[in-house]
Amino acid sequence: MTESVWQPSAALTTLKARADLLATIRQFFSARNILEVDTPLLAKYSVTDPYMQALTADNPIGATERYFLQTSPEYAMKRLLASGSGPIYQLCKAFRKGEAGGYHNPEFTMLEWYRPDFNHYQLMDEVEQLVSQVLNSDKPFNRISYRDVFLDAFSIDPHSCDCETVRTIAQQHLDIQMDSDKKDDWLNLLLAEIIEPELGVDTPVFITDYPASQSALAKVSMDSSGIKVAQRFELYSQGIELANGYFELTDAEEQRQRFQQDQQLRQVLSAPTIEADPFLLAAMAQGLPSCAGVALGVDRLLMVSQQLATIAETISFSIDRA
């Protein structure tokens, strides 16, 4: 152990900038009469996403069932929406197992908000207003479809091409061996390794209209060419993903089916089975209002605004010093 391990991973000037950022965020939502809420970070249920692993904890009241540290406040916030909360936001810690690196820390700060009666395009406008204010920028953000991103980079339509085409392109560009026959795995690889580092270098950019197979908790619709696409977006700046937003799925039965599909894929991947959250499904059955929601990484936004190289530089004590 070195003498410096006890010291913070972030400079004092950055911690002051962080405090200013949190104040700016709260002022932004207060001005729009959006309610700040606080939901449990320790809960009975977690996400079923096959590619996301939650941290577990002992049952705090002595029973045998395990609890989870939440990967996002999404499920609990949707229960509030179904209870009639109206527009809400939350600034909180979130936790994801195995995520550590230049842009990741297992414990991180998330900003999540939901707007009843908004679609994802209206929410993109609001995300742009907030991020522009933080970055002190008056340049309009770019918007480009997932299809056009891949057409520009590789001259392929990601919606209509087959898996073998994407696999061949990935193997031409990357020295990697991956045993997968899922087209989305290869698309995600190309996006992460080749495309993302170039996104939003000059001006932040929204990517829209993801494949329907990547809809997660978003609604699916037909685009102008008759292809099913997910009504969701991601925001990038300086090659860093800052935000992920949806025109939220409100159909409880469709959500139940997606949870079941997640479980099937978890079995294929030999990942632990995660019970679908019955509280969320009950809330959706009661009536989740039409809404759009977004999760934004506060630490990453601070990275971009302060021109820092790693997420550790934005956190008082990164995981190696916690």
C-alpha atoms as a PDB file:
ATOM      1  CA  MET A   1       0.000   0.000   0.000  1.00  0.00           C
ATOM      2  CA  THR A   2       1.390   3.386  -0.994  1.00  0.00           C
ATOM      3  CA  GLU A   3       1.295   6.493   1.102  1.00  0.00           C
ATOM      4  CA  SER A   4      -1.063   8.285  -1.311  1.00  0.00           C
ATOM      5  CA  VAL A   5      -3.885   5.696  -1.302  1.00  0.00           C
ATOM      6  CA  TRP A   6      -5.765   7.526   1.458  1.00  0.00           C
ATOM      7  CA  GLN A   7      -5.942  10.682  -0.640  1.00  0.00           C
ATOM      8  CA  PRO A   8      -8.961  11.518  -2.852  1.00  0.00           C
ATOM      9  CA  SER A   9      -8.885  10.579  -6.516  1.00  0.00           C
ATOM     10  CA  ALA A  10     -10.433  13.938  -7.482  1.00  0.00           C
ATOM     11  CA  ALA A  11      -8.777  17.336  -7.116  1.00  0.00           C
ATOM     12  CA  LEU A  12     -10.393  19.819  -4.765  1.00  0.00           C
ATOM     13  CA  THR A  13     -11.147  22.125  -7.696  1.00  0.00           C
ATOM     14  CA  THR A  14     -13.047  19.259  -9.353  1.00  0.00           C
ATOM     15  CA  LEU A  15     -15.014  18.534  -6.186  1.00  0.00           C
ATOM     16  CA  LYS A  16     -16.057  22.195  -6.106  1.00  0.00           C
ATOM     17  CA  ALA A  17     -17.063  21.948  -9.777  1.00  0.00           C
ATOM     18  CA  ARG A  18     -19.039  18.828  -8.887  1.00  0.00           C
ATOM     19  CA  ALA A  19     -20.927  20.678  -6.162  1.00  0.00           C
ATOM     20  CA  ASP A  20     -21.688  23.469  -8.639  1.00  0.00           C
ATOM     21  CA  LEU A  21     -22.929  20.907 -11.182  1.00  0.00           C
ATOM     22  CA  LEU A  22     -25.321  19.329  -8.682  1.00  0.00           C
ATOM     23  CA  ALA A  23     -26.638  22.775  -7.763  1.00  0.00           C
ATOM     24  CA  THR A  24     -27.116  23.632 -11.447  1.00  0.00           C
ATOM     25  CA  ILE A  25     -29.067  20.423 -12.031  1.00  0.00           C
ATOM     26  CA  ARG A  26     -31.378  21.082  -9.091  1.00  0.00           C
ATOM     27  CA  GLN A  27     -31.958  24.689 -10.179  1.00  0.00           C
ATOM     28  CA  PHE A  28     -32.754  23.476 -13.718  1.00  0.00           C
ATOM     29  CA  PHE A  29     -35.513  21.165 -12.509  1.00  0.00           C
ATOM     30  CA  SER A  30     -36.811  23.537  -9.854  1.00  0.00           C
ATOM     31  CA  ALA A  31     -37.340  26.173 -12.551  1.00  0.00           C
ATOM     32  CA  ARG A  32     -39.472  23.636 -14.463  1.00  0.00           C
ATOM     33  CA  ASN A  33     -41.469  22.582 -11.390  1.00  0.00           C
ATOM     34  CA  ILE A  34     -40.200  18.992 -11.598  1.00  0.00           C
ATOM     35  CA  LEU A  35     -40.307  17.195  -8.264  1.00  0.00           C
ATOM     36  CA  GLU A  36     -37.114  15.750  -6.791  1.00  0.00           C
ATOM     37  CA  VAL A  37     -37.706  12.275  -5.374  1.00  0.00           C
ATOM     38  CA  ASP A  38     -35.697   9.761  -3.384  1.00  0.00           C
ATOM     39  CA  THR A  39     -36.266   6.025  -3.911  1.00  0.00           C
ATOM     40  CA  PRO A  40     -34.621   2.954  -2.316  1.00  0.00           C
ATOM     41  CA  LEU A  41     -31.148   1.956  -3.474  1.00  0.00           C
ATOM     42  CA  LEU A  42     -31.465  -1.348  -1.582  1.00  0.00           C
ATOM     43  CA  ALA A  43     -34.420  -3.360  -2.862  1.00  0.00           C
ATOM     44  CA  LYS A  44     -35.850  -6.874  -3.286  1.00  0.00           C
ATOM     45  CA  TYR A  45     -35.723  -6.892  -7.087  1.00  0.00           C
ATOM     46  CA  SER A  46     -33.341  -5.809  -9.801  1.00  0.00           C
ATOM     47  CA  VAL A  47     -33.049  -5.568 -13.573  1.00  0.00           C
ATOM     48  CA  THR A  48     -33.287  -8.659 -15.764  1.00  0.00           C
ATOM     49  CA  ASP A  49     -31.029  -7.172 -18.482  1.00  0.00           C
ATOM     50  CA  PRO A  50     -28.740 -10.110 -19.428  1.00  0.00           C
ATOM     51  CA  TYR A  51     -25.733  -7.835 -19.897  1.00  0.00           C
ATOM     52  CA  MET A  52     -26.043  -5.980 -16.599  1.00  0.00           C
ATOM     53  CA  GLN A  53     -25.087  -7.515 -13.253  1.00  0.00           C
ATOM     54  CA  ALA A  54     -26.386  -6.078  -9.997  1.00  0.00           C
ATOM     55  CA  LEU A  55     -24.505  -6.109  -6.717  1.00  0.00           C
ATOM     56  CA  THR A  56     -26.225  -8.171  -4.034  1.00  0.00           C
ATOM     57  CA  ALA A  57     -26.520  -7.603  -0.301  1.00  0.00           C
ATOM     58  CA  ASP A  58     -27.640  -9.531   2.762  1.00  0.00           C
ATOM     59  CA  ASN A  59     -31.282  -9.141   3.690  1.00  0.00           C
ATOM     60  CA  PRO A  60     -31.356  -6.138   6.051  1.00  0.00           C
ATOM     61  CA  ILE A  61     -34.228  -7.504   8.140  1.00  0.00           C
ATOM     62  CA  GLY A  62     -32.770 -10.955   8.696  1.00  0.00           C
ATOM     63  CA  ALA A  63     -34.787 -13.001   6.206  1.00  0.00           C
ATOM     64  CA  THR A  64     -33.095 -15.342   3.748  1.00  0.00           C
ATOM     65  CA  GLU A  65     -33.895 -13.557   0.477  1.00  0.00           C
ATOM     66  CA  ARG A  66     -31.080 -11.471  -0.927  1.00  0.00           C
ATOM     67  CA  TYR A  67     -31.427  -7.797  -1.721  1.00  0.00           C
ATOM     68  CA  PHE A  68     -29.914  -5.798  -4.577  1.00  0.00           C
ATOM     69  CA  LEU A  69     -28.146  -2.467  -4.865  1.00  0.00           C
ATOM     70  CA  GLN A  70     -29.990  -0.773  -7.695  1.00  0.00           C
ATOM     71  CA  THR A  71     -28.443  -0.330 -11.138  1.00  0.00           C
ATOM     72  CA  SER A  72     -30.880   2.554 -11.692  1.00  0.00           C
ATOM     73  CA  PRO A  73     -33.851   4.106  -9.853  1.00  0.00           C
ATOM     74  CA  GLU A  74     -36.035   3.461 -12.917  1.00  0.00           C
ATOM     75  CA  TYR A  75     -38.416   0.824 -11.552  1.00  0.00           C
ATOM     76  CA  ALA A  76     -39.194   2.679  -8.338  1.00  0.00           C
ATOM     77  CA  MET A  77     -39.642   5.985 -10.181  1.00  0.00           C
ATOM     78  CA  LYS A  78     -42.122   4.367 -12.555  1.00  0.00           C
ATOM     79  CA  ARG A  79     -44.093   3.168  -9.530  1.00  0.00           C
ATOM     80  CA  LEU A  80     -44.267   6.809  -8.422  1.00  0.00           C
ATOM     81  CA  LEU A  81     -45.406   7.870 -11.892  1.00  0.00           C
ATOM     82  CA  ALA A  82     -48.168   5.245 -11.801  1.00  0.00           C
ATOM     83  CA  SER A  83     -49.205   6.690  -8.415  1.00  0.00           C
ATOM     84  CA  GLY A  84     -49.737  10.115  -9.980  1.00  0.00           C
ATOM     85  CA  SER A  85     -46.479  11.873  -9.086  1.00  0.00           C
ATOM     86  CA  GLY A  86     -46.307  13.915 -12.278  1.00  0.00           C
ATOM     87  CA  PRO A  87     -42.863  14.900 -13.648  1.00  0.00           C
ATOM     88  CA  ILE A  88     -40.036  13.727 -11.371  1.00  0.00           C
ATOM     89  CA  TYR A  89     -36.249  13.555 -11.202  1.00  0.00           C
ATOM     90  CA  GLN A  90     -33.691  11.907  -8.961  1.00  0.00           C
ATOM     91  CA  LEU A  91     -29.994  12.397  -8.265  1.00  0.00           C
ATOM     92  CA  CYS A  92     -28.639   9.239  -6.675  1.00  0.00           C
ATOM     93  CA  LYS A  93     -25.930   6.621  -6.510  1.00  0.00           C
ATOM     94  CA  ALA A  94     -26.273   3.581  -8.743  1.00  0.00           C
ATOM     95  CA  PHE A  95     -24.275   0.344  -8.692  1.00  0.00           C
ATOM     96  CA  ARG A  96     -23.199  -2.100 -11.396  1.00  0.00           C
ATOM     97  CA  LYS A  97     -21.036  -5.133 -10.820  1.00  0.00           C
ATOM     98  CA  GLY A  98     -17.893  -5.539 -12.874  1.00  0.00           C
ATOM     99  CA  GLU A  99     -17.956  -2.076 -14.405  1.00  0.00           C
ATOM    100  CA  ALA A 100     -14.623  -0.393 -13.774  1.00  0.00           C
ATOM    101  CA  GLY A 101     -12.330   1.499 -16.126  1.00  0.00           C
ATOM    102  CA  GLY A 102     -11.709   4.892 -17.641  1.00  0.00           C
ATOM    103  CA  TYR A 103     -15.411   5.649 -18.033  1.00  0.00           C
ATOM    104  CA  HIS A 104     -16.815   3.301 -15.367  1.00  0.00           C
ATOM    105  CA  ASN A 105     -16.860   2.980 -11.597  1.00  0.00           C
ATOM    106  CA  PRO A 106     -19.011   0.308  -9.882  1.00  0.00           C
ATOM    107  CA  GLU A 107     -20.599   3.062  -7.770  1.00  0.00           C
ATOM    108  CA  PHE A 108     -21.534   6.162  -9.731  1.00  0.00           C
ATOM    109  CA  THR A 109     -23.914   9.124  -9.684  1.00  0.00           C
ATOM    110  CA  MET A 110     -26.963   9.048 -11.932  1.00  0.00           C
ATOM    111  CA  LEU A 111     -29.487  11.694 -12.854  1.00  0.00           C
ATOM    112  CA  GLU A 112     -32.777  10.194 -13.998  1.00  0.00           C
ATOM    113  CA  TRP A 113     -35.962  12.020 -14.907  1.00  0.00           C
ATOM    114  CA  TYR A 114     -39.393  11.325 -16.361  1.00  0.00           C
ATOM    115  CA  ARG A 115     -41.777  13.572 -18.236  1.00  0.00           C
ATOM    116  CA  PRO A 116     -45.432  12.498 -18.555  1.00  0.00           C
ATOM    117  CA  ASP A 117     -46.941  13.492 -21.917  1.00  0.00           C
ATOM    118  CA  PHE A 118     -43.487  13.884 -23.490  1.00  0.00           C
ATOM    119  CA  ASN A 119     -42.179  11.716 -26.317  1.00  0.00           C
ATOM    120  CA  HIS A 120     -38.472  11.010 -26.702  1.00  0.00           C
ATOM    121  CA  TYR A 121     -37.989  13.880 -29.146  1.00  0.00           C
ATOM    122  CA  GLN A 122     -39.373  16.395 -26.657  1.00  0.00           C
ATOM    123  CA  LEU A 123     -37.173  14.871 -23.974  1.00  0.00           C
ATOM    124  CA  MET A 124     -34.131  15.184 -26.229  1.00  0.00           C
ATOM    125  CA  ASP A 125     -34.856  18.913 -26.408  1.00  0.00           C
ATOM    126  CA  GLU A 126     -34.837  19.142 -22.615  1.00  0.00           C
ATOM    127  CA  VAL A 127     -31.676  17.031 -22.284  1.00  0.00           C
ATOM    128  CA  GLU A 128     -30.008  19.383 -24.757  1.00  0.00           C
ATOM    129  CA  GLN A 129     -31.088  22.418 -22.731  1.00  0.00           C
ATOM    130  CA  LEU A 130     -29.550  21.002 -19.551  1.00  0.00           C
ATOM    131  CA  VAL A 131     -26.316  19.738 -21.074  1.00  0.00           C
ATOM    132  CA  SER A 132     -25.836  22.938 -23.101  1.00  0.00           C
ATOM    133  CA  GLN A 133     -26.146  24.942 -19.898  1.00  0.00           C
ATOM    134  CA  VAL A 134     -23.592  22.748 -18.111  1.00  0.00           C
ATOM    135  CA  LEU A 135     -21.156  22.844 -21.038  1.00  0.00           C
ATOM    136  CA  ASN A 136     -21.788  26.566 -21.577  1.00  0.00           C
ATOM    137  CA  SER A 137     -22.468  25.909 -25.265  1.00  0.00           C
ATOM    138  CA  ASP A 138     -24.938  27.582 -27.614  1.00  0.00           C
ATOM    139  CA  LYS A 139     -24.316  25.267 -30.585  1.00  0.00           C
ATOM    140  CA  PRO A 140     -27.287  23.028 -31.485  1.00  0.00           C
ATOM    141  CA  PHE A 141     -26.636  19.334 -30.885  1.00  0.00           C
ATOM    142  CA  ASN A 142     -26.546  17.017 -33.884  1.00  0.00           C
ATOM    143  CA  ARG A 143     -29.072  14.204 -34.342  1.00  0.00           C
ATOM    144  CA  ILE A 144     -28.439  11.128 -36.468  1.00  0.00           C
ATOM    145  CA  SER A 145     -30.166   7.773 -36.765  1.00  0.00           C
ATOM    146  CA  TYR A 146     -28.530   4.483 -35.815  1.00  0.00           C
ATOM    147  CA  ARG A 147     -28.941   3.422 -39.449  1.00  0.00           C
ATOM    148  CA  ASP A 148     -27.082   6.473 -40.780  1.00  0.00           C
ATOM    149  CA  VAL A 149     -24.268   6.019 -38.261  1.00  0.00           C
ATOM    150  CA  PHE A 150     -23.551   2.551 -39.689  1.00  0.00           C
ATOM    151  CA  LEU A 151     -24.094   3.635 -43.287  1.00  0.00           C
ATOM    152  CA  ASP A 152     -21.549   6.424 -42.804  1.00  0.00           C
ATOM    153  CA  ALA A 153     -19.000   4.225 -41.045  1.00  0.00           C
ATOM    154  CA  PHE A 154     -19.322   0.891 -42.866  1.00  0.00           C
ATOM    155  CA  SER A 155     -21.828   1.348 -45.729  1.00  0.00           C
ATOM    156  CA  ILE A 156     -24.229  -1.188 -44.210  1.00  0.00           C
ATOM    157  CA  ASP A 157     -27.819  -0.882 -43.053  1.00  0.00           C
ATOM    158  CA  PRO A 158     -27.801  -2.388 -39.537  1.00  0.00           C
ATOM    159  CA  HIS A 159     -31.536  -3.102 -39.718  1.00  0.00           C
ATOM    160  CA  SER A 160     -31.492  -5.198 -42.891  1.00  0.00           C
ATOM    161  CA  CYS A 161     -28.009  -6.726 -43.155  1.00  0.00           C
ATOM    162  CA  ASP A 162     -27.357 -10.225 -41.808  1.00  0.00           C
ATOM    163  CA  CYS A 163     -25.175 -11.281 -38.910  1.00  0.00           C
ATOM    164  CA  GLU A 164     -22.414 -12.687 -41.102  1.00  0.00           C
ATOM    165  CA  THR A 165     -21.984  -9.326 -42.848  1.00  0.00           C
ATOM    166  CA  VAL A 166     -21.563  -7.507 -39.531  1.00  0.00           C
ATOM    167  CA  ARG A 167     -19.257 -10.221 -38.172  1.00  0.00           C
ATOM    168  CA  THR A 168     -17.020  -9.989 -41.260  1.00  0.00           C
ATOM    169  CA  ILE A 169     -16.719  -6.204 -40.963  1.00  0.00           C
ATOM    170  CA  ALA A 170     -15.922  -6.467 -37.250  1.00  0.00           C
ATOM    171  CA  GLN A 171     -13.202  -9.031 -37.869  1.00  0.00           C
ATOM    172  CA  GLN A 172     -11.725  -6.827 -40.595  1.00  0.00           C
ATOM    173  CA  HIS A 173     -11.472  -3.866 -38.248  1.00  0.00           C
ATOM    174  CA  LEU A 174     -10.776  -5.496 -34.893  1.00  0.00           C
ATOM    175  CA  ASP A 175      -8.353  -8.130 -33.689  1.00  0.00           C
ATOM    176  CA  ILE A 176     -10.918  -9.972 -31.616  1.00  0.00           C
ATOM    177  CA  GLN A 177     -12.400 -13.426 -31.289  1.00  0.00           C
ATOM    178  CA  MET A 178     -16.035 -13.560 -30.207  1.00  0.00           C
ATOM    179  CA  ASP A 179     -18.227 -16.642 -30.337  1.00  0.00           C
ATOM    180  CA  SER A 180     -21.667 -15.208 -31.043  1.00  0.00           C
ATOM    181  CA  ASP A 181     -24.310 -15.649 -33.708  1.00  0.00           C
ATOM    182  CA  LYS A 182     -26.299 -12.633 -32.493  1.00  0.00           C
ATOM    183  CA  LYS A 183     -26.132  -9.673 -34.855  1.00  0.00           C
ATOM    184  CA  ASP A 184     -26.664  -7.217 -31.992  1.00  0.00           C
ATOM    185  CA  ASP A 185     -23.483  -8.438 -30.285  1.00  0.00           C
ATOM    186  CA  TRP A 186     -21.441  -7.590 -33.369  1.00  0.00           C
ATOM    187  CA  LEU A 187     -23.226  -4.283 -33.919  1.00  0.00           C
ATOM    188  CA  ASN A 188     -22.579  -3.324 -30.297  1.00  0.00           C
ATOM    189  CA  LEU A 189     -18.921  -4.229 -30.701  1.00  0.00           C
ATOM    190  CA  LEU A 190     -18.504  -2.051 -33.788  1.00  0.00           C
ATOM    191  CA  LEU A 191     -20.387   0.792 -32.120  1.00  0.00           C
ATOM    192  CA  ALA A 192     -18.304   0.656 -28.942  1.00  0.00           C
ATOM    193  CA  GLU A 193     -14.877   0.128 -30.498  1.00  0.00           C
ATOM    194  CA  ILE A 194     -15.024   2.010 -33.808  1.00  0.00           C
ATOM    195  CA  ILE A 195     -17.919   4.460 -33.880  1.00  0.00           C
ATOM    196  CA  GLU A 196     -18.326   5.772 -30.328  1.00  0.00           C
ATOM    197  CA  PRO A 197     -14.836   7.308 -29.947  1.00  0.00           C
ATOM    198  CA  GLU A 198     -15.644   9.620 -32.868  1.00  0.00           C
ATOM    199  CA  LEU A 199     -19.125  10.652 -31.722  1.00  0.00           C
ATOM    200  CA  GLY A 200     -19.728  14.191 -30.522  1.00  0.00           C
ATOM    201  CA  VAL A 201     -16.098  15.241 -30.770  1.00  0.00           C
ATOM    202  CA  ASP A 202     -16.952  18.757 -31.960  1.00  0.00           C
ATOM    203  CA  THR A 203     -20.625  18.978 -30.985  1.00  0.00           C
ATOM    204  CA  PRO A 204     -22.686  16.596 -28.829  1.00  0.00           C
ATOM    205  CA  VAL A 205     -24.791  14.190 -30.889  1.00  0.00           C
ATOM    206  CA  PHE A 206     -27.966  12.199 -30.283  1.00  0.00           C
ATOM    207  CA  ILE A 207     -28.222   8.740 -31.854  1.00  0.00           C
ATOM    208  CA  THR A 208     -31.862   7.754 -32.479  1.00  0.00           C
ATOM    209  CA  ASP A 209     -33.984   4.885 -33.832  1.00  0.00           C
ATOM    210  CA  TYR A 210     -32.064   1.885 -32.516  1.00  0.00           C
ATOM    211  CA  PRO A 211     -32.938  -1.616 -33.749  1.00  0.00           C
ATOM    212  CA  ALA A 212     -36.169  -2.957 -32.248  1.00  0.00           C
ATOM    213  CA  SER A 213     -34.117  -5.829 -30.805  1.00  0.00           C
ATOM    214  CA  GLN A 214     -32.339  -3.225 -28.654  1.00  0.00           C
ATOM    215  CA  SER A 215     -35.511  -1.605 -27.344  1.00  0.00           C
ATOM    216  CA  ALA A 216     -34.957  -2.485 -23.644  1.00  0.00           C
ATOM    217  CA  LEU A 217     -37.837  -0.633 -21.928  1.00  0.00           C
ATOM    218  CA  ALA A 218     -38.712   1.604 -24.891  1.00  0.00           C
ATOM    219  CA  LYS A 219     -41.692   1.538 -27.215  1.00  0.00           C
ATOM    220  CA  VAL A 220     -41.238   0.184 -30.735  1.00  0.00           C
ATOM    221  CA  SER A 221     -42.591   1.892 -33.856  1.00  0.00           C
ATOM    222  CA  MET A 222     -42.229   1.802 -37.643  1.00  0.00           C
ATOM    223  CA  ASP A 223     -39.799   4.248 -39.222  1.00  0.00           C
ATOM    224  CA  SER A 224     -40.358   5.973 -42.571  1.00  0.00           C
ATOM    225  CA  SER A 225     -38.984   2.949 -44.445  1.00  0.00           C
ATOM    226  CA  GLY A 226     -41.289   0.485 -42.698  1.00  0.00           C
ATOM    227  CA  ILE A 227     -38.626  -0.967 -40.364  1.00  0.00           C
ATOM    228  CA  LYS A 228     -39.426  -1.491 -36.688  1.00  0.00           C
ATOM    229  CA  VAL A 229     -37.185   0.684 -34.504  1.00  0.00           C
ATOM    230  CA  ALA A 230     -36.896   1.391 -30.803  1.00  0.00           C
ATOM    231  CA  GLN A 231     -38.105   4.822 -29.759  1.00  0.00           C
ATOM    232  CA  ARG A 232     -34.992   5.654 -27.798  1.00  0.00           C
ATOM    233  CA  PHE A 233     -31.867   7.801 -27.978  1.00  0.00           C
ATOM    234  CA  GLU A 234     -28.363   8.052 -26.606  1.00  0.00           C
ATOM    235  CA  LEU A 235     -26.328  11.234 -26.215  1.00  0.00           C
ATOM    236  CA  TYR A 236     -22.582  11.343 -26.855  1.00  0.00           C
ATOM    237  CA  SER A 237     -20.001  14.042 -26.249  1.00  0.00           C
ATOM    238  CA  GLN A 238     -16.246  13.731 -26.755  1.00  0.00           C
ATOM    239  CA  GLY A 239     -16.732  10.058 -27.612  1.00  0.00           C
ATOM    240  CA  ILE A 240     -18.413   9.403 -24.246  1.00  0.00           C
ATOM    241  CA  GLU A 241     -21.979   8.176 -23.798  1.00  0.00           C
ATOM    242  CA  LEU A 242     -23.687  10.621 -21.452  1.00  0.00           C
ATOM    243  CA  ALA A 243     -27.372   9.704 -21.533  1.00  0.00           C
ATOM    244  CA  ASN A 244     -29.812   6.994 -22.560  1.00  0.00           C
ATOM    245  CA  GLY A 245     -33.477   7.874 -23.006  1.00  0.00           C
ATOM    246  CA  TYR A 246     -36.741   6.154 -23.979  1.00  0.00           C
ATOM    247  CA  PHE A 247     -40.279   6.845 -25.006  1.00  0.00           C
ATOM    248  CA  GLU A 248     -41.277   4.482 -22.251  1.00  0.00           C
ATOM    249  CA  LEU A 249     -43.078   1.195 -22.730  1.00  0.00           C
ATOM    250  CA  THR A 250     -46.349   1.350 -20.769  1.00  0.00           C
ATOM    251  CA  ASP A 251     -47.898  -2.029 -21.661  1.00  0.00           C
ATOM    252  CA  ALA A 252     -47.549  -4.367 -18.661  1.00  0.00           C
ATOM    253  CA  GLU A 253     -48.030  -7.555 -20.670  1.00  0.00           C
ATOM    254  CA  GLU A 254     -45.438  -6.541 -23.242  1.00  0.00           C
ATOM    255  CA  GLN A 255     -43.064  -5.719 -20.381  1.00  0.00           C
ATOM    256  CA  ARG A 256     -43.693  -9.152 -18.844  1.00  0.00           C
ATOM    257  CA  GLN A 257     -42.838 -10.808 -22.167  1.00  0.00           C
ATOM    258  CA  ARG A 258     -39.610  -8.816 -22.450  1.00  0.00           C
ATOM    259  CA  PHE A 259     -38.631  -9.878 -18.941  1.00  0.00           C
ATOM    260  CA  GLN A 260     -39.219 -13.491 -19.988  1.00  0.00           C
ATOM    261  CA  GLN A 261     -37.031 -13.026 -23.061  1.00  0.00           C
ATOM    262  CA  ASP A 262     -34.314 -11.631 -20.799  1.00  0.00           C
ATOM    263  CA  GLN A 263     -34.531 -14.741 -18.628  1.00  0.00           C
ATOM    264  CA  GLN A 264     -34.166 -17.004 -21.648  1.00  0.00           C
ATOM    265  CA  LEU A 265     -31.067 -15.138 -22.790  1.00  0.00           C
ATOM    266  CA  ARG A 266     -29.675 -15.236 -19.252  1.00  0.00           C
ATOM    267  CA  GLN A 267     -29.910 -19.028 -19.393  1.00  0.00           C
ATOM    268  CA  VAL A 268     -28.039 -19.075 -22.706  1.00  0.00           C
ATOM    269  CA  LEU A 269     -25.335 -16.848 -21.214  1.00  0.00           C
ATOM    270  CA  SER A 270     -25.211 -18.875 -17.961  1.00  0.00           C
ATOM    271  CA  ALA A 271     -26.055 -15.696 -16.073  1.00  0.00           C
ATOM    272  CA  PRO A 272     -27.932 -15.833 -12.748  1.00  0.00           C
ATOM    273  CA  THR A 273     -31.719 -15.797 -12.964  1.00  0.00           C
ATOM    274  CA  ILE A 274     -33.231 -12.529 -11.743  1.00  0.00           C
ATOM    275  CA  GLU A 275     -36.907 -12.528 -10.828  1.00  0.00           C
ATOM    276  CA  ALA A 276     -38.960  -9.954 -12.720  1.00  0.00           C
ATOM    277  CA  ASP A 277     -39.978  -7.082 -10.463  1.00  0.00           C
ATOM    278  CA  PRO A 278     -43.655  -7.704  -9.583  1.00  0.00           C
ATOM    279  CA  PHE A 279     -43.986  -4.212  -8.104  1.00  0.00           C
ATOM    280  CA  LEU A 280     -43.147  -2.636 -11.466  1.00  0.00           C
ATOM    281  CA  LEU A 281     -45.468  -4.956 -13.373  1.00  0.00           C
ATOM    282  CA  ALA A 282     -48.323  -4.233 -10.947  1.00  0.00           C
ATOM    283  CA  ALA A 283     -47.747  -0.492 -11.282  1.00  0.00           C
ATOM    284  CA  MET A 284     -47.761  -0.748 -15.073  1.00  0.00           C
ATOM    285  CA  ALA A 285     -50.952  -2.816 -14.986  1.00  0.00           C
ATOM    286  CA  GLN A 286     -52.547  -0.140 -12.814  1.00  0.00           C
ATOM    287  CA  GLY A 287     -51.558   2.473 -15.374  1.00  0.00           C
ATOM    288  CA  LEU A 288     -48.177   3.997 -16.179  1.00  0.00           C
ATOM    289  CA  PRO A 289     -48.849   7.321 -17.914  1.00  0.00           C
ATOM    290  CA  SER A 290     -47.479   7.968 -21.373  1.00  0.00           C
ATOM    291  CA  CYS A 291     -44.039   9.389 -20.666  1.00  0.00           C
ATOM    292  CA  ALA A 292     -40.428   9.715 -21.727  1.00  0.00           C
ATOM    293  CA  GLY A 293     -37.516   9.077 -19.396  1.00  0.00           C
ATOM    294  CA  VAL A 294     -33.761   9.440 -19.452  1.00  0.00           C
ATOM    295  CA  ALA A 295     -30.756   8.423 -17.351  1.00  0.00           C
ATOM    296  CA  LEU A 296     -27.679  10.660 -17.467  1.00  0.00           C
ATOM    297  CA  GLY A 297     -24.265   9.902 -15.998  1.00  0.00           C
ATOM    298  CA  VAL A 298     -23.354  12.842 -13.774  1.00  0.00           C
ATOM    299  CA  ASP A 299     -19.720  11.779 -13.351  1.00  0.00           C
ATOM    300  CA  ARG A 300     -19.282  11.531 -17.126  1.00  0.00           C
ATOM    301  CA  LEU A 301     -20.919  14.912 -17.665  1.00  0.00           C
ATOM    302  CA  LEU A 302     -18.423  16.354 -15.185  1.00  0.00           C
ATOM    303  CA  MET A 303     -15.608  14.616 -17.087  1.00  0.00           C
ATOM    304  CA  VAL A 304     -16.641  16.377 -20.281  1.00  0.00           C
ATOM    305  CA  SER A 305     -17.288  19.768 -18.702  1.00  0.00           C
ATOM    306  CA  GLN A 306     -13.948  19.756 -16.858  1.00  0.00           C
ATOM    307  CA  GLN A 307     -12.026  18.027 -19.686  1.00  0.00           C
ATOM    308  CA  LEU A 308     -10.884  15.165 -17.474  1.00  0.00           C
ATOM    309  CA  ALA A 309      -9.426  11.913 -18.773  1.00  0.00           C
ATOM    310  CA  THR A 310     -10.998   9.381 -16.387  1.00  0.00           C
ATOM    311  CA  ILE A 311     -14.091   9.011 -14.254  1.00  0.00           C
ATOM    312  CA  ALA A 312     -11.884   8.482 -11.183  1.00  0.00           C
ATOM    313  CA  GLU A 313     -10.890  12.148 -11.437  1.00  0.00           C
ATOM    314  CA  THR A 314     -14.512  13.167 -10.875  1.00  0.00           C
ATOM    315  CA  ILE A 315     -15.149  11.041  -7.775  1.00  0.00           C
ATOM    316  CA  SER A 316     -13.882  11.844  -4.280  1.00  0.00           C
ATOM    317  CA  PHE A 317     -12.720   8.228  -3.819  1.00  0.00           C
ATOM    318  CA  SER A 318     -12.810   5.873  -6.796  1.00  0.00           C
ATOM    319  CA  ILE A 319     -13.335   2.149  -6.232  1.00  0.00           C
ATOM    320  CA  ASP A 320      -9.620   1.426  -5.712  1.00  0.00           C
ATOM    321  CA  ARG A 321      -9.577   3.961  -2.827  1.00  0.00           C
ATOM    322  CA  ALA A 322     -13.033   3.353  -1.398  1.00  0.00           C
END
